[in-house]
Protein backbone atom coordinates (compact mmCIF):
# COMPACT_ATOMS: atom_id res chain seq x y z
CA ALA A 1 -20.23 24.28 -3.47
CA GLN A 2 -20.65 28.04 -3.33
CA GLU A 3 -17.04 28.55 -2.32
CA SER A 4 -15.76 26.51 -5.26
CA VAL A 5 -18.01 28.40 -7.71
CA ALA A 6 -16.78 31.71 -6.30
CA LYS A 7 -13.15 30.62 -6.67
CA ALA A 8 -13.82 29.48 -10.22
CA LEU A 9 -15.41 32.79 -11.16
CA VAL A 10 -12.47 34.71 -9.72
CA GLY A 11 -9.98 32.58 -11.65
CA LEU A 12 -11.99 32.16 -14.85
CA MET A 13 -9.85 34.58 -16.83
CA LYS A 14 -6.78 32.43 -16.07
CA LEU A 15 -8.30 29.39 -17.81
CA ARG A 16 -6.38 28.88 -21.05
CA GLN A 17 -8.32 25.99 -22.55
CA ALA A 18 -12.06 26.60 -22.44
CA GLU A 19 -12.82 22.97 -23.38
CA ARG A 20 -11.24 21.83 -20.10
CA ILE A 21 -13.55 23.88 -17.89
CA GLY A 22 -15.20 20.76 -16.44
CA HIS A 23 -11.89 19.26 -15.34
CA TRP A 24 -10.71 22.64 -14.07
CA GLN A 25 -13.87 23.11 -11.99
CA SER A 26 -13.60 19.58 -10.56
CA ARG A 27 -10.04 20.33 -9.41
CA ILE A 28 -11.25 23.49 -7.68
CA CYS A 29 -14.07 21.56 -5.96
CA ARG A 30 -11.64 18.85 -4.86
CA ASN A 31 -9.19 21.40 -3.47
CA VAL A 32 -11.92 23.28 -1.61
CA ALA A 33 -13.22 20.02 -0.15
CA HIS A 34 -9.72 19.05 0.97
CA ASP A 35 -9.29 22.45 2.60
CA MET A 36 -12.54 22.02 4.51
CA VAL A 37 -11.56 18.68 6.09
CA PRO A 38 -9.18 18.74 9.06
CA ARG A 39 -5.94 17.05 8.09
CA LYS A 40 -5.40 14.75 11.06
CA THR A 41 -8.90 13.63 11.90
CA ASP A 42 -9.75 9.98 11.92
CA ARG A 43 -12.65 9.94 9.53
CA ALA A 44 -12.35 6.18 9.01
CA LEU A 45 -15.64 4.63 8.00
CA ASP A 46 -17.61 7.86 7.64
CA GLU A 47 -15.40 9.07 4.81
CA VAL A 48 -15.90 6.27 2.31
CA PRO A 49 -19.03 5.06 0.57
CA ALA A 50 -20.69 2.06 2.16
CA GLN A 51 -23.58 -0.15 1.34
CA ARG A 52 -25.33 0.13 4.65
CA GLY A 53 -28.55 -1.58 5.46
CA ASN A 54 -27.67 -4.83 3.71
CA SER A 55 -29.03 -7.70 5.67
CA GLY A 56 -28.19 -10.47 3.25
CA PRO A 57 -25.30 -12.92 3.34
CA ASP A 58 -22.99 -10.41 1.64
CA SER A 59 -23.34 -7.71 4.30
CA SER A 60 -20.33 -8.91 6.31
CA GLU A 61 -18.27 -8.95 3.11
CA HIS A 62 -19.36 -5.39 2.28
CA GLU A 63 -18.44 -4.27 5.79
CA ALA A 64 -15.05 -5.99 5.55
CA VAL A 65 -14.30 -4.26 2.23
CA HIS A 66 -15.47 -1.01 3.77
CA ARG A 67 -13.10 -1.47 6.74
CA ALA A 68 -10.23 -2.38 4.40
CA LEU A 69 -10.88 0.77 2.39
CA ALA A 70 -10.96 2.87 5.56
CA ARG A 71 -7.48 1.60 6.49
CA LEU A 72 -5.92 3.08 3.36
CA THR A 73 -4.34 6.52 3.23
CA PRO A 74 -6.71 9.31 2.20
CA GLU A 75 -4.96 9.54 -1.17
CA ALA A 76 -5.32 5.81 -1.87
CA ARG A 77 -8.94 5.88 -0.67
CA GLU A 78 -9.65 8.74 -3.06
CA LEU A 79 -8.25 6.80 -6.02
CA ILE A 80 -10.18 3.63 -5.15
CA THR A 81 -13.36 5.65 -4.65
CA LEU A 82 -12.98 7.53 -7.92
CA ARG A 83 -12.17 4.42 -9.95
CA TYR A 84 -14.42 1.76 -8.46
CA TYR A 85 -17.24 3.57 -6.67
CA ASN A 86 -17.63 6.50 -9.08
CA SER A 87 -16.55 4.55 -12.21
CA CYS A 88 -14.16 7.30 -13.32
CA SER A 89 -11.82 6.66 -16.23
CA TYR A 90 -8.08 7.18 -15.85
CA GLU A 91 -8.45 10.40 -17.82
CA GLN A 92 -11.07 11.67 -15.38
CA ILE A 93 -8.93 10.66 -12.38
CA THR A 94 -5.97 12.47 -13.95
CA ALA A 95 -8.10 15.59 -14.33
CA VAL A 96 -9.20 15.47 -10.70
CA THR A 97 -5.92 14.47 -9.02
CA GLY A 98 -3.28 15.78 -11.40
CA LEU A 99 -1.54 12.39 -11.36
CA SER A 100 -0.24 10.71 -14.51
CA LYS A 101 -1.90 7.50 -15.74
CA PRO A 102 1.11 5.34 -14.75
CA ALA A 103 1.10 6.91 -11.26
CA ILE A 104 -2.62 6.22 -10.91
CA ASN A 105 -2.16 2.64 -12.07
CA GLY A 106 0.70 2.03 -9.63
CA ARG A 107 -1.10 3.59 -6.69
CA LEU A 108 -4.30 1.70 -7.43
CA THR A 109 -2.35 -1.55 -7.63
CA ARG A 110 -0.68 -0.92 -4.26
CA ALA A 111 -3.98 0.12 -2.67
CA LYS A 112 -5.70 -3.04 -3.92
CA GLN A 113 -2.81 -5.16 -2.61
CA LYS A 114 -3.13 -3.55 0.84
CA MET A 115 -6.87 -4.16 0.83
CA ALA A 116 -6.35 -7.78 -0.24
CA THR A 117 -3.86 -8.29 2.60
CA TYR A 118 -6.31 -6.89 5.12
CA LEU A 119 -9.18 -8.98 3.77
CA LYS A 120 -7.04 -12.12 3.81
CA ARG A 121 -6.19 -11.48 7.47
CA ALA A 122 -9.85 -10.82 8.24
CA THR A 123 -10.76 -14.16 6.66
CA GLN A 124 -8.04 -16.02 8.58
CA THR A 125 -9.02 -14.50 11.93
CA GLY A 126 -12.68 -15.29 11.38
CA GLU A 127 -13.68 -11.64 11.18
CA LEU A 128 -15.01 -12.32 7.69
CA GLN A 129 -17.17 -15.43 7.52
């Protein structure tokens, strides 16, 4: 957090639209966070939000969704996390990722299709019961 604030202060004079400071700062935080994470590490399940500690009948379903999410690319995982776990609007996702709304929509659709394929296989193999 301190590194992103320092970078923002250094670049503050370059900001052209003061009303976009929140979006601008979130981009800096995202970029700093990406720089801090090794590129080729297998972060799998530790990287995505999970509902751990569930002991009810839905816990296996939550774990299966969590595993499906972990199988996505980091970029797809980020979009799913922003949209469905953090409840970000397309405008907010655009501000954070720099992607256009149609690009976000297309990538979210493909990511959800990949997750659905994985979950269908998990159901067929008995992994999800």
